[in-house]
Amino acid sequence: MLDAFLRDWIPDVRTGQPLFAQIVGGNAVSVCCTVRRTSDAHEAGVETVPAFRGHGYAAHVVAAWARAVREGGQIPLYSTSWQNVASRAVARKLGLIQFGNDLHVT
């Protein structure tokens, strides 16, 4: 299901559990899985195929992923950059709260 549009996520099927995908026409068009993990928390990684953005798919898969992480007794974390407007919109749609930020100096 990932092969058509989200091939780069195939290795995460094994290592990024839990993993959730939105399927349209037999293909995954949005995916969310654990990309970093500690003993207490999981951090989400999410991607939606550009042609399928704006349909709420990212929020759907992130919400499913977060429920699974909580059911496993751990904390789901969603991080993004200030520049990633689409990702910040997903966080807003889900009612997430900001609890920290980074400062990068180059």
Protein backbone atom coordinates (compact mmCIF):
# COMPACT_ATOMS: atom_id res chain seq x y z
CA MET A 1 0.00 0.00 0.00
CA LEU A 2 2.95 2.36 0.57
CA ASP A 3 4.69 1.43 -2.66
CA ALA A 4 2.81 3.78 -5.03
CA PHE A 5 3.22 7.13 -3.23
CA LEU A 6 5.07 6.69 0.07
CA ARG A 7 7.78 4.16 -0.75
CA ASP A 8 10.32 5.87 1.54
CA TRP A 9 8.16 4.87 4.53
CA ILE A 10 8.33 1.11 3.85
CA PRO A 11 11.26 0.52 6.29
CA ASP A 12 9.18 2.23 9.00
CA VAL A 13 6.61 -0.55 8.86
CA ARG A 14 9.06 -2.66 10.82
CA THR A 15 10.76 -0.02 12.97
CA GLY A 16 8.18 2.75 13.41
CA GLN A 17 5.31 1.00 15.14
CA PRO A 18 2.66 2.01 15.72
CA LEU A 19 2.08 3.05 12.12
CA PHE A 20 -1.21 4.24 10.62
CA ALA A 21 -2.05 5.10 7.02
CA GLN A 22 -4.98 6.64 5.21
CA ILE A 23 -5.84 4.46 2.23
CA VAL A 24 -7.45 5.87 -0.93
CA GLY A 25 -7.95 3.64 -3.95
CA GLY A 26 -5.87 0.88 -2.39
CA ASN A 27 -2.85 3.13 -1.80
CA ALA A 28 -1.57 4.88 1.30
CA VAL A 29 -1.83 8.63 0.79
CA SER A 30 -1.00 9.75 4.34
CA VAL A 31 1.07 8.02 6.99
CA CYS A 32 2.02 8.58 10.63
CA CYS A 33 4.37 6.46 12.70
CA THR A 34 6.89 6.64 15.49
CA VAL A 35 10.15 8.16 14.28
CA ARG A 36 11.82 8.60 17.69
CA ARG A 37 11.19 6.74 20.90
CA THR A 38 12.27 6.87 24.53
CA SER A 39 11.12 4.75 27.43
CA ASP A 40 8.40 7.33 28.14
CA ALA A 41 7.40 8.86 24.79
CA HIS A 42 7.09 8.45 21.03
CA GLU A 43 7.55 11.24 18.49
CA ALA A 44 5.35 11.30 15.39
CA GLY A 45 6.53 11.43 11.82
CA VAL A 46 3.82 12.25 9.28
CA GLU A 47 3.57 12.77 5.56
CA THR A 48 0.71 13.26 3.14
CA VAL A 49 1.12 12.98 -0.62
CA PRO A 50 0.80 16.55 -2.00
CA ALA A 51 -2.13 15.70 -4.29
CA PHE A 52 -4.10 14.46 -1.26
CA ARG A 53 -3.44 17.34 1.14
CA GLY A 54 -6.29 19.43 2.49
CA HIS A 55 -8.65 16.51 3.16
CA GLY A 56 -7.85 16.01 6.85
CA TYR A 57 -5.91 12.80 6.25
CA ALA A 58 -2.84 13.87 8.24
CA ALA A 59 -4.93 14.78 11.29
CA HIS A 60 -6.75 11.44 11.00
CA VAL A 61 -3.59 9.31 10.97
CA VAL A 62 -1.87 11.38 13.68
CA ALA A 63 -4.91 11.03 15.95
CA ALA A 64 -4.99 7.25 15.42
CA TRP A 65 -1.25 7.00 16.08
CA ALA A 66 -1.54 9.09 19.27
CA ARG A 67 -4.38 6.91 20.59
CA ALA A 68 -2.28 3.79 20.05
CA VAL A 69 0.75 5.32 21.79
CA ARG A 70 -1.41 6.35 24.78
CA GLU A 71 -2.99 2.89 24.92
CA GLY A 72 0.56 1.53 25.17
CA GLY A 73 1.13 3.67 28.27
CA GLN A 74 3.42 6.20 26.64
CA ILE A 75 3.27 9.87 25.69
CA PRO A 76 2.66 10.86 22.05
CA LEU A 77 4.70 13.90 20.95
CA TYR A 78 4.16 15.90 17.78
CA SER A 79 6.87 18.33 16.76
CA THR A 80 7.18 20.73 13.86
CA SER A 81 9.02 23.82 12.77
CA TRP A 82 7.56 27.32 12.71
CA GLN A 83 8.08 27.33 8.94
CA ASN A 84 5.99 24.19 8.37
CA VAL A 85 2.58 25.82 8.00
CA ALA A 86 0.81 22.59 7.02
CA SER A 87 2.17 20.69 10.01
CA ARG A 88 1.21 23.51 12.36
CA ALA A 89 -2.31 23.37 10.88
CA VAL A 90 -2.50 19.66 11.74
CA ALA A 91 -1.48 20.45 15.32
CA ARG A 92 -4.15 23.17 15.53
CA LYS A 93 -6.81 20.89 14.07
CA LEU A 94 -6.02 18.28 16.73
CA GLY A 95 -6.05 20.87 19.54
CA LEU A 96 -2.46 20.10 20.53
CA ILE A 97 -0.73 22.35 23.03
CA GLN A 98 2.77 23.76 22.67
CA PHE A 99 4.98 22.77 25.54
CA GLY A 100 8.40 23.83 24.30
CA ASN A 101 10.45 25.22 21.46
CA ASP A 102 13.99 25.25 20.12
CA LEU A 103 16.34 28.01 19.15
CA HIS A 104 18.81 27.19 16.40
CA VAL A 105 21.68 29.54 15.67
CA THR A 106 23.78 28.98 12.59
